Amino acid sequence: MSDLVSEIASQARSLSAEERSRLVGLLIETLHDSPLAEVEAAWEKEIVRRVAAYERGDVETYTAEEVFAEARRIAP
């Protein structure tokens, strides 16, 4: 490791787990900037599509109780 990378790594170790997690996410974004932006755009489009379908009443919805009952039924 270069001196700068070693220094940054040392400083990062003093961060809280939440801060280290955020730092890792930011660093990963720099490696995959374009594809990540494409993924986020695709998810935004999907979110809009799903919300619109929900608001039109085109999707079947379930209560939390129904979901948990089904989860208990299929859980080993």
Foldseek 3Di string as FASTA:
>chain_A
DDPVVVVVVVVLVPDDPVVNVVVVVVVVCVVVVVVVVVVVVVVVVVVVVVVVCVVVVVDDDDDPVVVVVVVVVPDD
